[in-house]
Amino acid sequence: MKAKSIKGKLAEEIKATSRLKKILFFITIFAFANLLQAQDNTTFNFNFNHMAFSVKDLDASVTFYKNVLQLKEIENRSAIEGIRWLSLGENKELHLISIVKENVSVNRAVHLALTTNNFDDLVRRLEELKVPYSDWLGTPNTVNKRADGVKQIYFKDPDGYWIEINNSSTATPSVQQIKDEVWQLEENYWKYVKDNDLKSYLTLWDDNFIGYPTNNNITGKEHITDWITDMYKDKSRKFNYELTRKVENVFGDIVIVLYNVTQIWTNDKNEVEKIPGKITHTWKKTDKGWLIIGGMGAKK
C-alpha cells in the first residue's frame, strides 16, 4: 500500500511539475510578446539626408551635375580631400566621392530621382547638351508616362549612375491620396504625444493656429503643448491611445478631419482608465506641407 501511495504522490508531483513548466512557458512567451510590442512602438522620424556616388573623375562629375542639372556646390563639411558636395535643395545633398577605387556597376532600377516643375525645359536642355535620355524601357529620346500621369526620363552621369527626372511635384494627387496623407499626420500627432516629443509635435501646427480644446480655453500655437506637459507630470501613470478614423473632407488645399480618440492611462497598480474623446482638425497645405490651422476637442 505504501508503495502505491508513493507512486501516486510521485505521479502527482510529475503532473504538477509539467503544469508549472507550461505556465512558465506561456509567461515567457507573453513577456517576450510584450517586449516586441514595446520595441515596435519605437519611432525614429527619419528624413532623407543625402545620396553618395563613388566617381572616377571628381572634377568631371562635378562639372556634369553643375552644368546639366545646375546643382550648386556647397561646403564639403567632411573636410576630406577627394570629396565634393552638391545641394539637392531643402537641405538634401549629393556627395561625390573619388577616394574609393572599387568599380561600381548599377542598372536603371538603381537610380537617383529628382523632381522639377520645369520638366519640359529640362528635357530641352538635355537635347541641347546632347545628353542621351530614354523612358523606363530604354527607348531613346522618349518620355515615360507613369500610371498616375507623372512624366519621367532616365539618363546616365559620367560614371554610369542612372538619374531619373520627373514632374511629380506638379502631379495632382487623388482625393484619397490627400486623405491618407493627412490621416498619417494625425497618427504622427498621437505618436509624438505618446513619446512626449514636443519638438516634432510643434512641426504639425501653423504659426497662426487657433483652437478650442477640451479645457474650454481658446488657444494658439504658443500654448499648444501645455496639455502634454501637464499630463506627464504624474510619473505614476503610463499613457497609450486608440484612434478610430471617421472622415476626412477635402476642399482643395484644406482638409477637415474628424475622428475619435481614447486616451488609456495605466497606473502603477495596473488599474486602467479610459477617456474617450472627439477631435476635429482643419489642415491647410502650405509651403511647409500640411499644417493644422484650427481644431476642437471634446469628451464623448
C-alpha atoms as a PDB file:
ATOM      1  CA  MET A   1       0.000   0.000   0.000  1.00  0.00           C
ATOM      2  CA  LYS A   2       2.853   2.339   0.872  1.00  0.00           C
ATOM      3  CA  ALA A   3       4.483   1.671  -2.499  1.00  0.00           C
ATOM      4  CA  LYS A   4       1.237   2.557  -4.293  1.00  0.00           C
ATOM      5  CA  SER A   5       0.888   5.713  -2.189  1.00  0.00           C
ATOM      6  CA  ILE A   6       4.433   6.773  -3.007  1.00  0.00           C
ATOM      7  CA  LYS A   7       3.874   6.089  -6.721  1.00  0.00           C
ATOM      8  CA  GLY A   8       0.662   8.102  -6.609  1.00  0.00           C
ATOM      9  CA  LYS A   9       2.367  11.062  -4.957  1.00  0.00           C
ATOM     10  CA  LEU A  10       5.200  10.819  -7.477  1.00  0.00           C
ATOM     11  CA  ALA A  11       2.756  10.876 -10.377  1.00  0.00           C
ATOM     12  CA  GLU A  12       1.011  13.933  -8.928  1.00  0.00           C
ATOM     13  CA  GLU A  13       4.333  15.719  -8.480  1.00  0.00           C
ATOM     14  CA  ILE A  14       5.271  14.958 -12.094  1.00  0.00           C
ATOM     15  CA  LYS A  15       1.922  16.324 -13.291  1.00  0.00           C
ATOM     16  CA  ALA A  16       2.326  19.442 -11.117  1.00  0.00           C
ATOM     17  CA  THR A  17       5.842  19.994 -12.452  1.00  0.00           C
ATOM     18  CA  SER A  18       4.586  19.625 -16.017  1.00  0.00           C
ATOM     19  CA  ARG A  19       1.805  22.139 -15.395  1.00  0.00           C
ATOM     20  CA  LEU A  20       4.316  24.565 -13.844  1.00  0.00           C
ATOM     21  CA  LYS A  21       6.596  24.262 -16.875  1.00  0.00           C
ATOM     22  CA  LYS A  22       3.658  25.041 -19.194  1.00  0.00           C
ATOM     23  CA  ILE A  23       2.716  28.073 -17.095  1.00  0.00           C
ATOM     24  CA  LEU A  24       6.298  29.336 -17.103  1.00  0.00           C
ATOM     25  CA  PHE A  25       6.483  28.754 -20.868  1.00  0.00           C
ATOM     26  CA  PHE A  26       3.374  30.857 -21.545  1.00  0.00           C
ATOM     27  CA  ILE A  27       4.542  33.578 -19.130  1.00  0.00           C
ATOM     28  CA  THR A  28       7.839  33.757 -21.019  1.00  0.00           C
ATOM     29  CA  ILE A  29       6.062  33.943 -24.395  1.00  0.00           C
ATOM     30  CA  PHE A  30       3.712  36.639 -23.089  1.00  0.00           C
ATOM     31  CA  ALA A  31       6.604  38.691 -21.688  1.00  0.00           C
ATOM     32  CA  PHE A  32       8.534  38.336 -24.955  1.00  0.00           C
ATOM     33  CA  ALA A  33       5.486  39.407 -26.979  1.00  0.00           C
ATOM     34  CA  ASN A  34       5.089  42.482 -24.773  1.00  0.00           C
ATOM     35  CA  LEU A  35       8.773  43.272 -25.270  1.00  0.00           C
ATOM     36  CA  LEU A  36       8.395  43.052 -29.046  1.00  0.00           C
ATOM     37  CA  GLN A  37       5.302  45.229 -28.911  1.00  0.00           C
ATOM     38  CA  ALA A  38       7.195  47.826 -26.890  1.00  0.00           C
ATOM     39  CA  GLN A  39      10.002  47.739 -29.431  1.00  0.00           C
ATOM     40  CA  ASP A  40       7.538  48.086 -32.325  1.00  0.00           C
ATOM     41  CA  ASN A  41       6.236  51.339 -30.817  1.00  0.00           C
ATOM     42  CA  THR A  42       9.636  52.991 -31.214  1.00  0.00           C
ATOM     43  CA  THR A  43       9.664  55.707 -33.885  1.00  0.00           C
ATOM     44  CA  PHE A  44      12.755  57.275 -35.447  1.00  0.00           C
ATOM     45  CA  ASN A  45      11.244  60.062 -37.596  1.00  0.00           C
ATOM     46  CA  PHE A  46      13.762  59.646 -40.410  1.00  0.00           C
ATOM     47  CA  ASN A  47      14.324  62.289 -43.049  1.00  0.00           C
ATOM     48  CA  PHE A  48      16.298  61.870 -46.265  1.00  0.00           C
ATOM     49  CA  ASN A  49      19.731  63.479 -45.895  1.00  0.00           C
ATOM     50  CA  HIS A  50      21.999  62.692 -48.863  1.00  0.00           C
ATOM     51  CA  MET A  51      22.946  60.390 -51.721  1.00  0.00           C
ATOM     52  CA  ALA A  52      26.603  59.460 -52.279  1.00  0.00           C
ATOM     53  CA  PHE A  53      28.211  58.295 -55.546  1.00  0.00           C
ATOM     54  CA  SER A  54      31.671  56.814 -55.996  1.00  0.00           C
ATOM     55  CA  VAL A  55      33.233  58.572 -59.019  1.00  0.00           C
ATOM     56  CA  LYS A  56      36.449  58.168 -61.003  1.00  0.00           C
ATOM     57  CA  ASP A  57      36.993  61.746 -62.191  1.00  0.00           C
ATOM     58  CA  LEU A  58      35.757  64.099 -59.462  1.00  0.00           C
ATOM     59  CA  ASP A  59      36.089  67.315 -61.476  1.00  0.00           C
ATOM     60  CA  ALA A  60      34.274  65.828 -64.488  1.00  0.00           C
ATOM     61  CA  SER A  61      31.401  64.585 -62.311  1.00  0.00           C
ATOM     62  CA  VAL A  62      31.020  67.905 -60.509  1.00  0.00           C
ATOM     63  CA  THR A  63      31.031  69.743 -63.856  1.00  0.00           C
ATOM     64  CA  PHE A  64      28.334  67.399 -65.214  1.00  0.00           C
ATOM     65  CA  TYR A  65      25.951  67.973 -62.297  1.00  0.00           C
ATOM     66  CA  LYS A  66      26.581  71.723 -62.214  1.00  0.00           C
ATOM     67  CA  ASN A  67      26.228  72.130 -65.985  1.00  0.00           C
ATOM     68  CA  VAL A  68      23.446  69.680 -66.843  1.00  0.00           C
ATOM     69  CA  LEU A  69      21.282  69.872 -63.712  1.00  0.00           C
ATOM     70  CA  GLN A  70      22.534  73.260 -62.488  1.00  0.00           C
ATOM     71  CA  LEU A  71      23.201  71.947 -58.985  1.00  0.00           C
ATOM     72  CA  LYS A  72      25.109  74.288 -56.703  1.00  0.00           C
ATOM     73  CA  GLU A  73      28.300  73.182 -54.980  1.00  0.00           C
ATOM     74  CA  ILE A  74      28.259  73.546 -51.201  1.00  0.00           C
ATOM     75  CA  GLU A  75      30.837  73.170 -48.448  1.00  0.00           C
ATOM     76  CA  ASN A  76      32.260  69.675 -48.009  1.00  0.00           C
ATOM     77  CA  ARG A  77      31.794  69.524 -44.255  1.00  0.00           C
ATOM     78  CA  SER A  78      33.686  66.225 -44.033  1.00  0.00           C
ATOM     79  CA  ALA A  79      36.835  68.216 -44.956  1.00  0.00           C
ATOM     80  CA  ILE A  80      38.219  65.095 -46.671  1.00  0.00           C
ATOM     81  CA  GLU A  81      40.094  65.606 -49.920  1.00  0.00           C
ATOM     82  CA  GLY A  82      38.632  63.832 -52.941  1.00  0.00           C
ATOM     83  CA  ILE A  83      35.040  64.510 -51.858  1.00  0.00           C
ATOM     84  CA  ARG A  84      32.763  67.317 -53.037  1.00  0.00           C
ATOM     85  CA  TRP A  85      29.178  68.106 -52.071  1.00  0.00           C
ATOM     86  CA  LEU A  86      26.311  69.486 -54.170  1.00  0.00           C
ATOM     87  CA  SER A  87      22.942  70.745 -52.977  1.00  0.00           C
ATOM     88  CA  LEU A  88      19.731  68.964 -53.994  1.00  0.00           C
ATOM     89  CA  GLY A  89      17.635  71.655 -52.278  1.00  0.00           C
ATOM     90  CA  GLU A  90      15.770  71.611 -48.954  1.00  0.00           C
ATOM     91  CA  ASN A  91      18.932  70.581 -47.063  1.00  0.00           C
ATOM     92  CA  LYS A  92      19.345  67.436 -49.197  1.00  0.00           C
ATOM     93  CA  GLU A  93      22.780  66.749 -50.657  1.00  0.00           C
ATOM     94  CA  LEU A  94      24.660  64.782 -53.300  1.00  0.00           C
ATOM     95  CA  HIS A  95      28.134  63.657 -52.215  1.00  0.00           C
ATOM     96  CA  LEU A  96      30.630  62.759 -54.940  1.00  0.00           C
ATOM     97  CA  ILE A  97      33.481  60.606 -53.644  1.00  0.00           C
ATOM     98  CA  SER A  98      36.635  59.799 -55.630  1.00  0.00           C
ATOM     99  CA  ILE A  99      38.738  58.168 -52.894  1.00  0.00           C
ATOM    100  CA  VAL A 100      37.104  54.718 -53.111  1.00  0.00           C
ATOM    101  CA  LYS A 101      38.607  52.933 -56.111  1.00  0.00           C
ATOM    102  CA  GLU A 102      36.409  49.807 -56.407  1.00  0.00           C
ATOM    103  CA  ASN A 103      34.334  49.550 -59.600  1.00  0.00           C
ATOM    104  CA  VAL A 104      30.590  50.106 -59.247  1.00  0.00           C
ATOM    105  CA  SER A 105      28.015  48.631 -61.625  1.00  0.00           C
ATOM    106  CA  VAL A 106      24.317  49.550 -61.472  1.00  0.00           C
ATOM    107  CA  ASN A 107      21.265  49.179 -63.693  1.00  0.00           C
ATOM    108  CA  ARG A 108      18.345  51.527 -64.323  1.00  0.00           C
ATOM    109  CA  ALA A 109      16.456  50.199 -61.287  1.00  0.00           C
ATOM    110  CA  VAL A 110      19.123  51.758 -59.037  1.00  0.00           C
ATOM    111  CA  HIS A 111      18.810  55.492 -59.628  1.00  0.00           C
ATOM    112  CA  LEU A 112      18.727  58.965 -58.150  1.00  0.00           C
ATOM    113  CA  ALA A 113      15.284  60.515 -58.744  1.00  0.00           C
ATOM    114  CA  LEU A 114      14.779  64.276 -58.839  1.00  0.00           C
ATOM    115  CA  THR A 115      11.534  66.130 -59.436  1.00  0.00           C
ATOM    116  CA  THR A 116      11.065  69.501 -61.131  1.00  0.00           C
ATOM    117  CA  ASN A 117       8.189  71.724 -62.182  1.00  0.00           C
ATOM    118  CA  ASN A 118      10.230  72.665 -65.285  1.00  0.00           C
ATOM    119  CA  PHE A 119      10.279  69.152 -66.738  1.00  0.00           C
ATOM    120  CA  ASP A 120       9.899  70.148 -70.399  1.00  0.00           C
ATOM    121  CA  ASP A 121      12.674  72.760 -70.113  1.00  0.00           C
ATOM    122  CA  LEU A 122      14.979  70.140 -68.593  1.00  0.00           C
ATOM    123  CA  VAL A 123      14.306  67.738 -71.469  1.00  0.00           C
ATOM    124  CA  ARG A 124      15.157  70.501 -73.964  1.00  0.00           C
ATOM    125  CA  ARG A 125      18.356  71.236 -72.045  1.00  0.00           C
ATOM    126  CA  LEU A 126      19.438  67.581 -72.285  1.00  0.00           C
ATOM    127  CA  GLU A 127      18.810  67.661 -76.021  1.00  0.00           C
ATOM    128  CA  GLU A 128      20.817  70.886 -76.425  1.00  0.00           C
ATOM    129  CA  LEU A 129      23.718  69.395 -74.460  1.00  0.00           C
ATOM    130  CA  LYS A 130      23.385  66.119 -76.418  1.00  0.00           C
ATOM    131  CA  VAL A 131      22.861  64.064 -73.243  1.00  0.00           C
ATOM    132  CA  PRO A 132      21.001  60.891 -74.317  1.00  0.00           C
ATOM    133  CA  TYR A 133      17.865  60.011 -72.324  1.00  0.00           C
ATOM    134  CA  SER A 134      15.191  57.331 -72.528  1.00  0.00           C
ATOM    135  CA  ASP A 135      11.980  56.065 -70.999  1.00  0.00           C
ATOM    136  CA  TRP A 136      11.842  53.236 -68.423  1.00  0.00           C
ATOM    137  CA  LEU A 137      12.110  50.576 -71.146  1.00  0.00           C
ATOM    138  CA  GLY A 138      15.179  52.248 -72.642  1.00  0.00           C
ATOM    139  CA  THR A 139      13.556  53.729 -75.754  1.00  0.00           C
ATOM    140  CA  PRO A 140      15.854  56.618 -76.798  1.00  0.00           C
ATOM    141  CA  ASN A 141      14.606  60.221 -76.608  1.00  0.00           C
ATOM    142  CA  THR A 142      11.244  59.100 -75.213  1.00  0.00           C
ATOM    143  CA  VAL A 143       9.370  60.404 -72.177  1.00  0.00           C
ATOM    144  CA  ASN A 144       7.858  57.766 -69.893  1.00  0.00           C
ATOM    145  CA  LYS A 145       4.332  58.355 -68.560  1.00  0.00           C
ATOM    146  CA  ARG A 146       3.598  56.596 -65.283  1.00  0.00           C
ATOM    147  CA  ALA A 147       0.160  55.178 -64.456  1.00  0.00           C
ATOM    148  CA  ASP A 148      -0.606  58.200 -62.260  1.00  0.00           C
ATOM    149  CA  GLY A 149       0.266  60.629 -65.084  1.00  0.00           C
ATOM    150  CA  VAL A 150       3.756  61.582 -63.878  1.00  0.00           C
ATOM    151  CA  LYS A 151       6.323  62.134 -66.659  1.00  0.00           C
ATOM    152  CA  GLN A 152       9.777  60.508 -66.293  1.00  0.00           C
ATOM    153  CA  ILE A 153      13.052  60.297 -68.183  1.00  0.00           C
ATOM    154  CA  TYR A 154      16.287  58.435 -67.419  1.00  0.00           C
ATOM    155  CA  PHE A 155      19.909  59.201 -68.301  1.00  0.00           C
ATOM    156  CA  LYS A 156      23.425  58.452 -67.031  1.00  0.00           C
ATOM    157  CA  ASP A 157      26.098  60.600 -65.449  1.00  0.00           C
ATOM    158  CA  PRO A 158      29.797  60.247 -66.460  1.00  0.00           C
ATOM    159  CA  ASP A 159      30.286  57.254 -64.124  1.00  0.00           C
ATOM    160  CA  GLY A 160      27.221  55.375 -65.390  1.00  0.00           C
ATOM    161  CA  TYR A 161      24.882  56.216 -62.487  1.00  0.00           C
ATOM    162  CA  TRP A 162      21.251  56.428 -63.569  1.00  0.00           C
ATOM    163  CA  ILE A 163      19.296  59.608 -62.920  1.00  0.00           C
ATOM    164  CA  GLU A 164      15.531  59.923 -63.139  1.00  0.00           C
ATOM    165  CA  ILE A 165      13.887  63.291 -63.669  1.00  0.00           C
ATOM    166  CA  ASN A 166      10.128  63.520 -63.154  1.00  0.00           C
ATOM    167  CA  ASN A 167       7.402  66.107 -62.688  1.00  0.00           C
ATOM    168  CA  SER A 168       5.674  64.507 -59.702  1.00  0.00           C
ATOM    169  CA  SER A 169       5.843  67.859 -57.885  1.00  0.00           C
ATOM    170  CA  THR A 170       3.247  69.155 -60.362  1.00  0.00           C
ATOM    171  CA  ALA A 171       1.102  65.993 -60.455  1.00  0.00           C
ATOM    172  CA  THR A 172      -2.304  66.330 -58.827  1.00  0.00           C
ATOM    173  CA  PRO A 173      -2.811  63.719 -56.088  1.00  0.00           C
ATOM    174  CA  SER A 174      -6.147  61.956 -55.859  1.00  0.00           C
ATOM    175  CA  VAL A 175      -8.612  62.872 -53.111  1.00  0.00           C
ATOM    176  CA  GLN A 176      -7.938  59.533 -51.408  1.00  0.00           C
ATOM    177  CA  GLN A 177      -4.169  60.151 -51.508  1.00  0.00           C
ATOM    178  CA  ILE A 178      -4.723  63.511 -49.790  1.00  0.00           C
ATOM    179  CA  LYS A 179      -6.961  61.895 -47.164  1.00  0.00           C
ATOM    180  CA  ASP A 180      -4.402  59.168 -46.449  1.00  0.00           C
ATOM    181  CA  GLU A 181      -1.546  61.684 -46.264  1.00  0.00           C
ATOM    182  CA  VAL A 182      -3.366  63.880 -43.753  1.00  0.00           C
ATOM    183  CA  TRP A 183      -4.554  60.897 -41.708  1.00  0.00           C
ATOM    184  CA  GLN A 184      -0.941  59.733 -41.443  1.00  0.00           C
ATOM    185  CA  LEU A 185      -0.147  63.124 -39.930  1.00  0.00           C
ATOM    186  CA  GLU A 186      -2.922  62.599 -37.368  1.00  0.00           C
ATOM    187  CA  GLU A 187      -1.343  59.261 -36.454  1.00  0.00           C
ATOM    188  CA  ASN A 188       2.029  61.021 -36.153  1.00  0.00           C
ATOM    189  CA  TYR A 189       0.345  63.572 -33.868  1.00  0.00           C
ATOM    190  CA  TRP A 190      -0.523  60.908 -31.294  1.00  0.00           C
ATOM    191  CA  LYS A 191       2.812  59.112 -31.613  1.00  0.00           C
ATOM    192  CA  TYR A 192       4.508  62.390 -30.716  1.00  0.00           C
ATOM    193  CA  VAL A 193       2.161  62.806 -27.747  1.00  0.00           C
ATOM    194  CA  LYS A 194       2.915  59.286 -26.511  1.00  0.00           C
ATOM    195  CA  ASP A 195       6.680  59.829 -26.893  1.00  0.00           C
ATOM    196  CA  ASN A 196       6.428  63.276 -25.240  1.00  0.00           C
ATOM    197  CA  ASP A 197       8.198  64.570 -28.359  1.00  0.00           C
ATOM    198  CA  LEU A 198       7.227  68.230 -28.188  1.00  0.00           C
ATOM    199  CA  LYS A 199       9.688  69.318 -30.889  1.00  0.00           C
ATOM    200  CA  SER A 200       8.135  67.033 -33.531  1.00  0.00           C
ATOM    201  CA  TYR A 201       4.618  67.798 -32.270  1.00  0.00           C
ATOM    202  CA  LEU A 202       5.125  71.521 -32.865  1.00  0.00           C
ATOM    203  CA  THR A 203       6.011  70.918 -36.540  1.00  0.00           C
ATOM    204  CA  LEU A 204       2.371  69.961 -37.201  1.00  0.00           C
ATOM    205  CA  TRP A 205       0.938  73.380 -36.394  1.00  0.00           C
ATOM    206  CA  ASP A 206       0.675  76.596 -38.386  1.00  0.00           C
ATOM    207  CA  ASP A 207       2.035  79.673 -36.590  1.00  0.00           C
ATOM    208  CA  ASN A 208      -1.407  81.322 -36.831  1.00  0.00           C
ATOM    209  CA  PHE A 209      -3.316  78.309 -35.476  1.00  0.00           C
ATOM    210  CA  ILE A 210      -6.279  78.882 -33.177  1.00  0.00           C
ATOM    211  CA  GLY A 211      -8.240  76.135 -31.436  1.00  0.00           C
ATOM    212  CA  TYR A 212     -10.816  75.226 -28.815  1.00  0.00           C
ATOM    213  CA  PRO A 213      -9.554  72.179 -26.878  1.00  0.00           C
ATOM    214  CA  THR A 214     -11.319  70.149 -24.187  1.00  0.00           C
ATOM    215  CA  ASN A 215     -10.169  72.523 -21.419  1.00  0.00           C
ATOM    216  CA  ASN A 216     -12.516  75.160 -22.917  1.00  0.00           C
ATOM    217  CA  ASN A 217      -9.712  77.698 -23.301  1.00  0.00           C
ATOM    218  CA  ILE A 218      -9.275  79.105 -26.796  1.00  0.00           C
ATOM    219  CA  THR A 219      -5.565  78.986 -27.517  1.00  0.00           C
ATOM    220  CA  GLY A 220      -2.896  79.497 -30.168  1.00  0.00           C
ATOM    221  CA  LYS A 221       0.301  77.663 -31.049  1.00  0.00           C
ATOM    222  CA  GLU A 222       2.225  79.230 -28.158  1.00  0.00           C
ATOM    223  CA  HIS A 223       0.272  77.077 -25.662  1.00  0.00           C
ATOM    224  CA  ILE A 224      -0.427  74.022 -27.819  1.00  0.00           C
ATOM    225  CA  THR A 225       1.956  71.748 -25.882  1.00  0.00           C
ATOM    226  CA  ASP A 226       0.772  72.792 -22.399  1.00  0.00           C
ATOM    227  CA  TRP A 227      -1.629  69.872 -22.052  1.00  0.00           C
ATOM    228  CA  ILE A 228       1.099  67.336 -22.891  1.00  0.00           C
ATOM    229  CA  THR A 229       3.496  68.840 -20.336  1.00  0.00           C
ATOM    230  CA  ASP A 230       0.760  68.809 -17.688  1.00  0.00           C
ATOM    231  CA  MET A 231      -0.316  65.210 -18.274  1.00  0.00           C
ATOM    232  CA  TYR A 232       3.234  63.852 -17.948  1.00  0.00           C
ATOM    233  CA  LYS A 233       3.764  65.467 -14.529  1.00  0.00           C
ATOM    234  CA  ASP A 234       2.215  62.368 -12.935  1.00  0.00           C
ATOM    235  CA  LYS A 235       5.040  59.826 -13.255  1.00  0.00           C
ATOM    236  CA  SER A 236       2.949  57.008 -11.743  1.00  0.00           C
ATOM    237  CA  ARG A 237       0.794  56.614 -14.883  1.00  0.00           C
ATOM    238  CA  LYS A 238       1.619  55.361 -18.376  1.00  0.00           C
ATOM    239  CA  PHE A 239      -0.132  56.744 -21.455  1.00  0.00           C
ATOM    240  CA  ASN A 240      -1.450  54.951 -24.529  1.00  0.00           C
ATOM    241  CA  TYR A 241      -4.211  55.629 -27.025  1.00  0.00           C
ATOM    242  CA  GLU A 242      -6.586  54.183 -29.617  1.00  0.00           C
ATOM    243  CA  LEU A 243      -7.749  56.051 -32.732  1.00  0.00           C
ATOM    244  CA  THR A 244     -10.933  55.471 -34.707  1.00  0.00           C
ATOM    245  CA  ARG A 245     -10.765  57.069 -38.135  1.00  0.00           C
ATOM    246  CA  LYS A 246     -14.096  58.634 -39.113  1.00  0.00           C
ATOM    247  CA  VAL A 247     -13.953  61.036 -42.057  1.00  0.00           C
ATOM    248  CA  GLU A 248     -11.720  63.479 -43.942  1.00  0.00           C
ATOM    249  CA  ASN A 249     -13.329  66.112 -46.156  1.00  0.00           C
ATOM    250  CA  VAL A 250     -11.100  67.635 -48.853  1.00  0.00           C
ATOM    251  CA  PHE A 251     -11.594  71.179 -50.172  1.00  0.00           C
ATOM    252  CA  GLY A 252      -8.551  71.715 -52.399  1.00  0.00           C
ATOM    253  CA  ASP A 253      -5.757  72.820 -50.072  1.00  0.00           C
ATOM    254  CA  ILE A 254      -7.993  72.496 -46.989  1.00  0.00           C
ATOM    255  CA  VAL A 255      -8.857  69.201 -45.257  1.00  0.00           C
ATOM    256  CA  ILE A 256     -11.233  68.827 -42.316  1.00  0.00           C
ATOM    257  CA  VAL A 257     -10.640  65.680 -40.246  1.00  0.00           C
ATOM    258  CA  LEU A 258     -12.986  64.113 -37.695  1.00  0.00           C
ATOM    259  CA  TYR A 259     -12.109  61.080 -35.552  1.00  0.00           C
ATOM    260  CA  ASN A 260     -12.429  59.504 -32.123  1.00  0.00           C
ATOM    261  CA  VAL A 261      -9.570  59.025 -29.695  1.00  0.00           C
ATOM    262  CA  THR A 262      -9.496  57.036 -26.471  1.00  0.00           C
ATOM    263  CA  GLN A 263      -6.784  58.007 -24.016  1.00  0.00           C
ATOM    264  CA  ILE A 264      -5.686  54.983 -21.984  1.00  0.00           C
ATOM    265  CA  TRP A 265      -3.988  55.536 -18.628  1.00  0.00           C
ATOM    266  CA  THR A 266      -2.466  52.718 -16.561  1.00  0.00           C
ATOM    267  CA  ASN A 267      -1.256  53.430 -13.021  1.00  0.00           C
ATOM    268  CA  ASP A 268       1.407  51.634 -11.013  1.00  0.00           C
ATOM    269  CA  LYS A 269      -1.257  49.252  -9.655  1.00  0.00           C
ATOM    270  CA  ASN A 270      -2.158  48.212 -13.224  1.00  0.00           C
ATOM    271  CA  GLU A 271      -5.527  49.962 -12.921  1.00  0.00           C
ATOM    272  CA  VAL A 272      -6.698  51.222 -16.325  1.00  0.00           C
ATOM    273  CA  GLU A 273      -8.675  54.389 -17.003  1.00  0.00           C
ATOM    274  CA  LYS A 274     -10.075  55.053 -20.480  1.00  0.00           C
ATOM    275  CA  ILE A 275     -11.084  58.574 -21.510  1.00  0.00           C
ATOM    276  CA  PRO A 276     -12.993  58.707 -24.850  1.00  0.00           C
ATOM    277  CA  GLY A 277     -12.980  61.911 -26.859  1.00  0.00           C
ATOM    278  CA  LYS A 278     -13.769  63.501 -30.227  1.00  0.00           C
ATOM    279  CA  ILE A 279     -11.324  65.514 -32.321  1.00  0.00           C
ATOM    280  CA  THR A 280     -11.670  67.751 -35.359  1.00  0.00           C
ATOM    281  CA  HIS A 281      -8.697  69.400 -37.060  1.00  0.00           C
ATOM    282  CA  THR A 282      -8.541  71.676 -40.084  1.00  0.00           C
ATOM    283  CA  TRP A 283      -5.373  71.199 -42.140  1.00  0.00           C
ATOM    284  CA  LYS A 284      -4.046  73.556 -44.821  1.00  0.00           C
ATOM    285  CA  LYS A 285      -1.438  72.760 -47.490  1.00  0.00           C
ATOM    286  CA  THR A 286       1.390  75.303 -47.141  1.00  0.00           C
ATOM    287  CA  ASP A 287       4.904  75.631 -48.496  1.00  0.00           C
ATOM    288  CA  LYS A 288       5.950  73.670 -45.382  1.00  0.00           C
ATOM    289  CA  GLY A 289       3.476  70.871 -46.101  1.00  0.00           C
ATOM    290  CA  TRP A 290       0.142  70.160 -44.391  1.00  0.00           C
ATOM    291  CA  LEU A 291      -0.274  72.149 -41.159  1.00  0.00           C
ATOM    292  CA  ILE A 292      -3.114  72.394 -38.623  1.00  0.00           C
ATOM    293  CA  ILE A 293      -4.754  75.832 -38.741  1.00  0.00           C
ATOM    294  CA  GLY A 294      -7.742  75.125 -36.491  1.00  0.00           C
ATOM    295  CA  GLY A 295      -9.232  72.456 -34.275  1.00  0.00           C
ATOM    296  CA  MET A 296     -11.521  71.448 -31.473  1.00  0.00           C
ATOM    297  CA  GLY A 297     -11.648  68.626 -28.934  1.00  0.00           C
ATOM    298  CA  ALA A 298     -14.471  67.346 -26.756  1.00  0.00           C
ATOM    299  CA  LYS A 299     -15.155  64.444 -24.410  1.00  0.00           C
ATOM    300  CA  LYS A 300     -17.619  61.832 -25.653  1.00  0.00           C
END
